[in-house]
PDB file of N, CA and C in Angstrom:
ATOM      1  N   UNK A   1     116.861  88.454  16.242  1.00  0.00           N
ATOM      2  CA  UNK A   1     115.541  89.171  14.704  1.00  0.00           C
ATOM      3  C   UNK A   1     113.888  88.997  15.347  1.00  0.00           C
ATOM      4  N   UNK A   2     113.849  89.838  14.906  1.00  0.00           N
ATOM      5  CA  UNK A   2     112.817  90.315  14.706  1.00  0.00           C
ATOM      6  C   UNK A   2     111.326  89.945  14.622  1.00  0.00           C
ATOM      7  N   UNK A   3     110.099  89.718  15.273  1.00  0.00           N
ATOM      8  CA  UNK A   3     109.122  89.206  14.145  1.00  0.00           C
ATOM      9  C   UNK A   3     108.501  90.201  14.056  1.00  0.00           C
ATOM     10  N   UNK A   4     107.524  89.904  12.609  1.00  0.00           N
ATOM     11  CA  UNK A   4     106.588  91.276  12.054  1.00  0.00           C
ATOM     12  C   UNK A   4     106.050  91.557  13.744  1.00  0.00           C
ATOM     13  N   UNK A   5     105.789  91.777  13.873  1.00  0.00           N
ATOM     14  CA  UNK A   5     105.351  92.490  15.329  1.00  0.00           C
ATOM     15  C   UNK A   5     105.575  93.125  15.843  1.00  0.00           C
ATOM     16  N   UNK A   6     107.277  92.486  15.920  1.00  0.00           N
ATOM     17  CA  UNK A   6     107.793  93.429  17.248  1.00  0.00           C
ATOM     18  C   UNK A   6     108.382  94.501  16.533  1.00  0.00           C
ATOM     19  N   UNK A   7     108.644  94.673  15.016  1.00  0.00           N
ATOM     20  CA  UNK A   7     109.114  95.399  13.788  1.00  0.00           C
ATOM     21  C   UNK A   7     108.115  96.281  13.921  1.00  0.00           C
ATOM     22  N   UNK A   8     106.287  96.401  13.483  1.00  0.00           N
ATOM     23  CA  UNK A   8     105.421  97.136  13.965  1.00  0.00           C
ATOM     24  C   UNK A   8     105.355  97.602  15.064  1.00  0.00           C
ATOM     25  N   UNK A   9     105.697  97.062  15.754  1.00  0.00           N
ATOM     26  CA  UNK A   9     105.237  98.100  17.724  1.00  0.00           C
ATOM     27  C   UNK A   9     106.672  98.801  17.416  1.00  0.00           C
ATOM     28  N   UNK A  10     108.250  98.293  17.278  1.00  0.00           N
ATOM     29  CA  UNK A  10     109.373  99.237  16.888  1.00  0.00           C
ATOM     30  C   UNK A  10     109.175 100.601  16.215  1.00  0.00           C
ATOM     31  N   UNK A  11     108.885  99.738  15.044  1.00  0.00           N
ATOM     32  CA  UNK A  11     108.342 101.363  13.450  1.00  0.00           C
ATOM     33  C   UNK A  11     107.374 102.620  14.655  1.00  0.00           C
ATOM     34  N   UNK A  12     106.365 102.407  15.818  1.00  0.00           N
ATOM     35  CA  UNK A  12     105.628 103.185  16.320  1.00  0.00           C
ATOM     36  C   UNK A  12     105.713 103.627  17.223  1.00  0.00           C
ATOM     37  N   UNK A  13     106.595 103.426  18.023  1.00  0.00           N
ATOM     38  CA  UNK A  13     106.913 103.721  19.375  1.00  0.00           C
ATOM     39  C   UNK A  13     107.565 104.988  19.578  1.00  0.00           C
ATOM     40  N   UNK A  14     106.945 105.840  20.437  1.00  0.00           N
ATOM     41  CA  UNK A  14     106.865 107.653  20.615  1.00  0.00           C
ATOM     42  C   UNK A  14     108.754 107.287  20.968  1.00  0.00           C
ATOM     43  N   UNK A  15     108.632 108.695  20.266  1.00  0.00           N
ATOM     44  CA  UNK A  15     110.480 108.468  20.265  1.00  0.00           C
ATOM     45  C   UNK A  15     110.906 110.243  20.564  1.00  0.00           C
ATOM     46  N   UNK A  16     111.873 111.045  21.160  1.00  0.00           N
ATOM     47  CA  UNK A  16     112.407 112.127  21.174  1.00  0.00           C
ATOM     48  C   UNK A  16     113.581 112.130  20.314  1.00  0.00           C
ATOM     49  N   UNK A  17     114.144 113.077  19.473  1.00  0.00           N
ATOM     50  CA  UNK A  17     115.226 113.371  18.651  1.00  0.00           C
ATOM     51  C   UNK A  17     115.262 115.532  18.659  1.00  0.00           C
ATOM     52  N   UNK A  18     116.653 115.534  19.100  1.00  0.00           N
ATOM     53  CA  UNK A  18     117.018 116.250  19.202  1.00  0.00           C
ATOM     54  C   UNK A  18     117.274 117.212  17.809  1.00  0.00           C
ATOM     55  N   UNK A  19     116.979 118.588  17.539  1.00  0.00           N
ATOM     56  CA  UNK A  19     116.202 119.457  16.671  1.00  0.00           C
ATOM     57  C   UNK A  19     118.152 119.504  16.234  1.00  0.00           C
ATOM     58  N   UNK A  20     118.964 119.175  16.075  1.00  0.00           N
ATOM     59  CA  UNK A  20     120.147 119.344  15.842  1.00  0.00           C
ATOM     60  C   UNK A  20     120.195 118.186  14.723  1.00  0.00           C
ATOM     61  N   UNK A  21     119.414 116.958  15.177  1.00  0.00           N
ATOM     62  CA  UNK A  21     119.514 115.809  14.620  1.00  0.00           C
ATOM     63  C   UNK A  21     117.973 115.383  13.551  1.00  0.00           C
ATOM     64  N   UNK A  22     117.448 115.833  14.334  1.00  0.00           N
ATOM     65  CA  UNK A  22     116.029 116.638  12.719  1.00  0.00           C
ATOM     66  C   UNK A  22     115.936 115.973  11.537  1.00  0.00           C
ATOM     67  N   UNK A  23     117.273 116.570  11.034  1.00  0.00           N
ATOM     68  CA  UNK A  23     116.862 116.228   9.142  1.00  0.00           C
ATOM     69  C   UNK A  23     117.755 115.162   8.738  1.00  0.00           C
ATOM     70  N   UNK A  24     118.472 114.527  10.296  1.00  0.00           N
ATOM     71  CA  UNK A  24     119.041 113.745   8.897  1.00  0.00           C
ATOM     72  C   UNK A  24     118.136 111.924   9.475  1.00  0.00           C
ATOM     73  N   UNK A  25     116.775 112.509  10.327  1.00  0.00           N
ATOM     74  CA  UNK A  25     115.705 111.086  10.789  1.00  0.00           C
ATOM     75  C   UNK A  25     115.178 111.063   9.333  1.00  0.00           C
ATOM     76  N   UNK A  26     114.729 109.536   8.864  1.00  0.00           N
ATOM     77  CA  UNK A  26     114.508 109.000   8.126  1.00  0.00           C
ATOM     78  C   UNK A  26     112.440 108.847   8.547  1.00  0.00           C
ATOM     79  N   UNK A  27     111.842 108.745   7.377  1.00  0.00           N
ATOM     80  CA  UNK A  27     110.520 108.679   7.963  1.00  0.00           C
ATOM     81  C   UNK A  27     110.106 108.938   9.440  1.00  0.00           C
ATOM     82  N   UNK A  28     109.675 109.666   9.907  1.00  0.00           N
ATOM     83  CA  UNK A  28     109.051 110.278  11.516  1.00  0.00           C
ATOM     84  C   UNK A  28     108.677 111.789  10.986  1.00  0.00           C
ATOM     85  N   UNK A  29     107.177 110.331  11.854  1.00  0.00           N
ATOM     86  CA  UNK A  29     106.930 111.834  11.961  1.00  0.00           C
ATOM     87  C   UNK A  29     106.737 112.794  13.486  1.00  0.00           C
ATOM     88  N   UNK A  30     106.406 114.238  12.718  1.00  0.00           N
ATOM     89  CA  UNK A  30     106.450 115.204  13.905  1.00  0.00           C
ATOM     90  C   UNK A  30     105.432 115.637  14.466  1.00  0.00           C
ATOM     91  N   UNK A  31     104.822 115.133  15.629  1.00  0.00           N
ATOM     92  CA  UNK A  31     104.399 115.780  16.215  1.00  0.00           C
ATOM     93  C   UNK A  31     104.018 117.131  17.515  1.00  0.00           C
ATOM     94  N   UNK A  32     105.079 117.576  17.961  1.00  0.00           N
ATOM     95  CA  UNK A  32     104.961 118.782  18.995  1.00  0.00           C
ATOM     96  C   UNK A  32     106.563 119.028  18.871  1.00  0.00           C
ATOM     97  N   UNK A  33     106.937 119.949  19.550  1.00  0.00           N
ATOM     98  CA  UNK A  33     108.653 119.491  20.055  1.00  0.00           C
ATOM     99  C   UNK A  33     108.552 120.389  20.991  1.00  0.00           C
ATOM    100  N   UNK A  34     109.318 119.760  22.046  1.00  0.00           N
ATOM    101  CA  UNK A  34     109.400 120.602  23.652  1.00  0.00           C
ATOM    102  C   UNK A  34     111.147 120.593  23.633  1.00  0.00           C
ATOM    103  N   UNK A  35     111.162 121.385  24.900  1.00  0.00           N
ATOM    104  CA  UNK A  35     112.086 121.978  25.271  1.00  0.00           C
ATOM    105  C   UNK A  35     112.189 122.124  26.448  1.00  0.00           C
ATOM    106  N   UNK A  36     113.833 121.952  26.858  1.00  0.00           N
ATOM    107  CA  UNK A  36     114.651 121.382  28.190  1.00  0.00           C
ATOM    108  C   UNK A  36     114.471 122.334  29.128  1.00  0.00           C
ATOM    109  N   UNK A  37     113.884 122.349  30.143  1.00  0.00           N
ATOM    110  CA  UNK A  37     113.604 123.108  31.123  1.00  0.00           C
ATOM    111  C   UNK A  37     114.362 124.339  31.713  1.00  0.00           C
ATOM    112  N   UNK A  38     115.840 123.430  31.653  1.00  0.00           N
ATOM    113  CA  UNK A  38     117.033 123.732  32.527  1.00  0.00           C
ATOM    114  C   UNK A  38     118.545 124.280  31.294  1.00  0.00           C
ATOM    115  N   UNK A  39     117.795 123.517  30.075  1.00  0.00           N
ATOM    116  CA  UNK A  39     119.400 124.211  29.346  1.00  0.00           C
ATOM    117  C   UNK A  39     118.264 124.676  27.971  1.00  0.00           C
ATOM    118  N   UNK A  40     117.611 124.487  27.479  1.00  0.00           N
ATOM    119  CA  UNK A  40     116.979 125.223  26.350  1.00  0.00           C
ATOM    120  C   UNK A  40     116.898 123.996  25.137  1.00  0.00           C
ATOM    121  N   UNK A  41     117.595 123.057  25.273  1.00  0.00           N
ATOM    122  CA  UNK A  41     117.716 122.168  24.278  1.00  0.00           C
ATOM    123  C   UNK A  41     116.542 121.869  23.615  1.00  0.00           C
ATOM    124  N   UNK A  42     116.286 121.732  22.350  1.00  0.00           N
ATOM    125  CA  UNK A  42     114.781 121.235  21.464  1.00  0.00           C
ATOM    126  C   UNK A  42     114.730 119.754  21.105  1.00  0.00           C
ATOM    127  N   UNK A  43     113.287 119.467  21.144  1.00  0.00           N
ATOM    128  CA  UNK A  43     113.809 117.813  20.704  1.00  0.00           C
ATOM    129  C   UNK A  43     112.019 117.932  20.321  1.00  0.00           C
ATOM    130  N   UNK A  44     112.157 116.804  18.913  1.00  0.00           N
ATOM    131  CA  UNK A  44     111.127 117.048  17.908  1.00  0.00           C
ATOM    132  C   UNK A  44     110.773 115.304  18.853  1.00  0.00           C
ATOM    133  N   UNK A  45     109.024 115.283  19.629  1.00  0.00           N
ATOM    134  CA  UNK A  45     108.543 114.474  19.818  1.00  0.00           C
ATOM    135  C   UNK A  45     107.236 113.382  19.033  1.00  0.00           C
ATOM    136  N   UNK A  46     107.959 112.452  17.864  1.00  0.00           N
ATOM    137  CA  UNK A  46     107.136 111.610  17.228  1.00  0.00           C
ATOM    138  C   UNK A  46     107.192 110.548  17.209  1.00  0.00           C
ATOM    139  N   UNK A  47     106.708 109.368  16.715  1.00  0.00           N
ATOM    140  CA  UNK A  47     106.914 108.094  15.622  1.00  0.00           C
ATOM    141  C   UNK A  47     107.880 108.068  14.372  1.00  0.00           C
ATOM    142  N   UNK A  48     108.397 107.292  14.210  1.00  0.00           N
ATOM    143  CA  UNK A  48     109.155 106.311  12.957  1.00  0.00           C
ATOM    144  C   UNK A  48     107.497 105.801  12.292  1.00  0.00           C
ATOM    145  N   UNK A  49     107.745 106.527  11.366  1.00  0.00           N
ATOM    146  CA  UNK A  49     106.811 105.907  10.614  1.00  0.00           C
ATOM    147  C   UNK A  49     105.429 106.743  10.777  1.00  0.00           C
ATOM    148  N   UNK A  50     104.008 106.422   9.895  1.00  0.00           N
ATOM    149  CA  UNK A  50     103.141 107.198  10.441  1.00  0.00           C
ATOM    150  C   UNK A  50     102.342 106.828  11.541  1.00  0.00           C
ATOM    151  N   UNK A  51     102.101 108.466  12.169  1.00  0.00           N
ATOM    152  CA  UNK A  51     101.180 108.149  13.507  1.00  0.00           C
ATOM    153  C   UNK A  51      99.935 107.506  13.877  1.00  0.00           C
ATOM    154  N   UNK A  52      99.798 106.794  14.290  1.00  0.00           N
ATOM    155  CA  UNK A  52      98.291 105.503  14.588  1.00  0.00           C
ATOM    156  C   UNK A  52      97.097 106.720  15.480  1.00  0.00           C
ATOM    157  N   UNK A  53      96.229 106.582  14.895  1.00  0.00           N
ATOM    158  CA  UNK A  53      95.429 107.730  15.642  1.00  0.00           C
ATOM    159  C   UNK A  53      95.041 107.693  16.898  1.00  0.00           C
ATOM    160  N   UNK A  54      95.095 106.593  17.507  1.00  0.00           N
ATOM    161  CA  UNK A  54      95.131 106.634  18.774  1.00  0.00           C
ATOM    162  C   UNK A  54      95.941 106.879  19.608  1.00  0.00           C
ATOM    163  N   UNK A  55      97.133 107.091  19.056  1.00  0.00           N
ATOM    164  CA  UNK A  55      98.437 107.511  19.200  1.00  0.00           C
ATOM    165  C   UNK A  55      98.767 108.724  19.857  1.00  0.00           C
ATOM    166  N   UNK A  56      98.045 109.399  19.208  1.00  0.00           N
ATOM    167  CA  UNK A  56      98.167 111.073  18.921  1.00  0.00           C
ATOM    168  C   UNK A  56      97.327 111.891  19.928  1.00  0.00           C
ATOM    169  N   UNK A  57      96.683 111.215  20.970  1.00  0.00           N
ATOM    170  CA  UNK A  57      95.844 111.001  22.077  1.00  0.00           C
ATOM    171  C   UNK A  57      96.870 111.096  23.234  1.00  0.00           C
ATOM    172  N   UNK A  58      97.367 110.474  23.089  1.00  0.00           N
ATOM    173  CA  UNK A  58      98.765 109.846  24.473  1.00  0.00           C
ATOM    174  C   UNK A  58      99.451 110.729  23.860  1.00  0.00           C
ATOM    175  N   UNK A  59     100.152 111.581  22.813  1.00  0.00           N
ATOM    176  CA  UNK A  59     101.105 112.667  22.746  1.00  0.00           C
ATOM    177  C   UNK A  59     100.923 113.771  22.871  1.00  0.00           C
ATOM    178  N   UNK A  60      99.790 114.037  22.451  1.00  0.00           N
ATOM    179  CA  UNK A  60      99.302 115.117  23.000  1.00  0.00           C
ATOM    180  C   UNK A  60      99.573 115.501  24.716  1.00  0.00           C
ATOM    181  N   UNK A  61      99.414 114.624  26.149  1.00  0.00           N
ATOM    182  CA  UNK A  61      99.442 114.659  27.341  1.00  0.00           C
ATOM    183  C   UNK A  61     100.016 113.730  28.336  1.00  0.00           C
ATOM    184  N   UNK A  62     100.539 112.551  27.419  1.00  0.00           N
ATOM    185  CA  UNK A  62     101.159 111.843  28.884  1.00  0.00           C
ATOM    186  C   UNK A  62     102.815 112.319  27.523  1.00  0.00           C
ATOM    187  N   UNK A  63     103.722 112.428  26.815  1.00  0.00           N
ATOM    188  CA  UNK A  63     104.870 112.069  25.896  1.00  0.00           C
ATOM    189  C   UNK A  63     105.162 113.345  26.265  1.00  0.00           C
ATOM    190  N   UNK A  64     105.316 114.744  26.108  1.00  0.00           N
ATOM    191  CA  UNK A  64     106.240 115.661  26.547  1.00  0.00           C
ATOM    192  C   UNK A  64     106.036 115.631  28.081  1.00  0.00           C
ATOM    193  N   UNK A  65     105.609 114.885  28.978  1.00  0.00           N
ATOM    194  CA  UNK A  65     105.668 115.652  30.396  1.00  0.00           C
ATOM    195  C   UNK A  65     107.087 114.619  30.187  1.00  0.00           C
ATOM    196  N   UNK A  66     106.670 113.349  30.070  1.00  0.00           N
ATOM    197  CA  UNK A  66     107.304 111.838  30.081  1.00  0.00           C
ATOM    198  C   UNK A  66     109.020 112.471  29.019  1.00  0.00           C
ATOM    199  N   UNK A  67     109.542 113.536  28.384  1.00  0.00           N
ATOM    200  CA  UNK A  67     110.682 113.775  27.837  1.00  0.00           C
ATOM    201  C   UNK A  67     111.088 114.728  29.040  1.00  0.00           C
ATOM    202  N   UNK A  68     110.007 116.092  29.663  1.00  0.00           N
ATOM    203  CA  UNK A  68     110.475 116.784  30.408  1.00  0.00           C
ATOM    204  C   UNK A  68     111.214 115.996  31.287  1.00  0.00           C
ATOM    205  N   UNK A  69     110.795 114.605  31.971  1.00  0.00           N
ATOM    206  CA  UNK A  69     111.367 114.237  33.059  1.00  0.00           C
ATOM    207  C   UNK A  69     112.192 113.740  33.024  1.00  0.00           C
ATOM    208  N   UNK A  70     112.796 113.153  31.437  1.00  0.00           N
ATOM    209  CA  UNK A  70     113.739 112.299  31.146  1.00  0.00           C
ATOM    210  C   UNK A  70     115.096 113.405  31.476  1.00  0.00           C
ATOM    211  N   UNK A  71     115.170 114.050  30.455  1.00  0.00           N
ATOM    212  CA  UNK A  71     115.935 115.405  30.852  1.00  0.00           C
ATOM    213  C   UNK A  71     116.461 116.233  31.564  1.00  0.00           C
ATOM    214  N   UNK A  72     114.903 116.311  32.767  1.00  0.00           N
ATOM    215  CA  UNK A  72     115.359 116.398  34.261  1.00  0.00           C
ATOM    216  C   UNK A  72     116.180 115.601  35.074  1.00  0.00           C
ATOM    217  N   UNK A  73     116.234 114.451  34.793  1.00  0.00           N
ATOM    218  CA  UNK A  73     117.217 113.405  35.641  1.00  0.00           C
ATOM    219  C   UNK A  73     118.482 113.914  34.922  1.00  0.00           C
ATOM    220  N   UNK A  74     117.914 113.970  33.121  1.00  0.00           N
ATOM    221  CA  UNK A  74     119.753 114.633  33.044  1.00  0.00           C
ATOM    222  C   UNK A  74     120.537 114.764  33.581  1.00  0.00           C
ATOM    223  N   UNK A  75     119.680 116.155  33.692  1.00  0.00           N
ATOM    224  CA  UNK A  75     120.768 117.451  34.679  1.00  0.00           C
ATOM    225  C   UNK A  75     120.799 117.085  35.818  1.00  0.00           C
ATOM    226  N   UNK A  76     119.873 116.036  36.508  1.00  0.00           N
ATOM    227  CA  UNK A  76     120.385 115.693  38.130  1.00  0.00           C
ATOM    228  C   UNK A  76     121.793 114.984  38.216  1.00  0.00           C
ATOM    229  N   UNK A  77     122.017 114.462  37.011  1.00  0.00           N
ATOM    230  CA  UNK A  77     122.838 113.490  37.191  1.00  0.00           C
ATOM    231  C   UNK A  77     124.345 113.631  36.745  1.00  0.00           C
ATOM    232  N   UNK A  78     123.758 115.105  36.187  1.00  0.00           N
ATOM    233  CA  UNK A  78     125.288 115.809  35.073  1.00  0.00           C
ATOM    234  C   UNK A  78     125.431 114.752  34.094  1.00  0.00           C
ATOM    235  N   UNK A  79     124.375 114.504  33.154  1.00  0.00           N
ATOM    236  CA  UNK A  79     125.272 113.826  32.358  1.00  0.00           C
ATOM    237  C   UNK A  79     124.775 114.807  30.838  1.00  0.00           C
ATOM    238  N   UNK A  80     125.097 114.593  29.646  1.00  0.00           N
ATOM    239  CA  UNK A  80     124.549 114.982  28.131  1.00  0.00           C
ATOM    240  C   UNK A  80     123.329 114.216  28.403  1.00  0.00           C
ATOM    241  N   UNK A  81     122.437 114.931  26.834  1.00  0.00           N
ATOM    242  CA  UNK A  81     120.827 114.777  26.597  1.00  0.00           C
ATOM    243  C   UNK A  81     121.682 113.704  25.961  1.00  0.00           C
ATOM    244  N   UNK A  82     120.704 112.429  25.294  1.00  0.00           N
ATOM    245  CA  UNK A  82     121.012 111.582  24.394  1.00  0.00           C
ATOM    246  C   UNK A  82     119.786 112.556  23.165  1.00  0.00           C
ATOM    247  N   UNK A  83     120.756 112.595  22.116  1.00  0.00           N
ATOM    248  CA  UNK A  83     119.905 112.680  20.997  1.00  0.00           C
ATOM    249  C   UNK A  83     118.390 111.908  20.200  1.00  0.00           C
ATOM    250  N   UNK A  84     118.588 110.396  21.101  1.00  0.00           N
ATOM    251  CA  UNK A  84     117.612 110.188  20.177  1.00  0.00           C
ATOM    252  C   UNK A  84     116.964 109.419  21.635  1.00  0.00           C
ATOM    253  N   UNK A  85     115.933 109.731  21.862  1.00  0.00           N
ATOM    254  CA  UNK A  85     115.639 109.544  23.084  1.00  0.00           C
ATOM    255  C   UNK A  85     113.861 108.592  23.114  1.00  0.00           C
ATOM    256  N   UNK A  86     113.706 107.098  23.851  1.00  0.00           N
ATOM    257  CA  UNK A  86     112.314 106.426  22.981  1.00  0.00           C
ATOM    258  C   UNK A  86     111.725 106.111  24.666  1.00  0.00           C
ATOM    259  N   UNK A  87     110.128 106.987  24.441  1.00  0.00           N
ATOM    260  CA  UNK A  87     109.451 107.481  24.984  1.00  0.00           C
ATOM    261  C   UNK A  87     108.903 106.577  25.425  1.00  0.00           C
ATOM    262  N   UNK A  88     109.116 105.529  24.577  1.00  0.00           N
ATOM    263  CA  UNK A  88     107.659 104.290  25.420  1.00  0.00           C
ATOM    264  C   UNK A  88     107.813 103.703  26.247  1.00  0.00           C
ATOM    265  N   UNK A  89     106.578 103.324  26.920  1.00  0.00           N
ATOM    266  CA  UNK A  89     106.614 102.986  28.519  1.00  0.00           C
ATOM    267  C   UNK A  89     106.606 101.706  28.716  1.00  0.00           C
TER     268      UNK A  89
END
């Protein structure tokens, strides 16, 4: 069982959701989109729940790069992209 603190951290963890799954995402604050440089798959990057102001700075610089690295690794290992990717560090 998650404590209140753990639940808060979970809700505000950065995630990427495939474009096909975005309509089903509830309470998701979309910040930006990123494409896979290998196959063109599109992912929405954001947070479940409201995005905190200090998280936006990190979002703009670090998270798209992190997602791109994860997607490239999928291709190197010849595996399909997940529909939901946790970008938490």
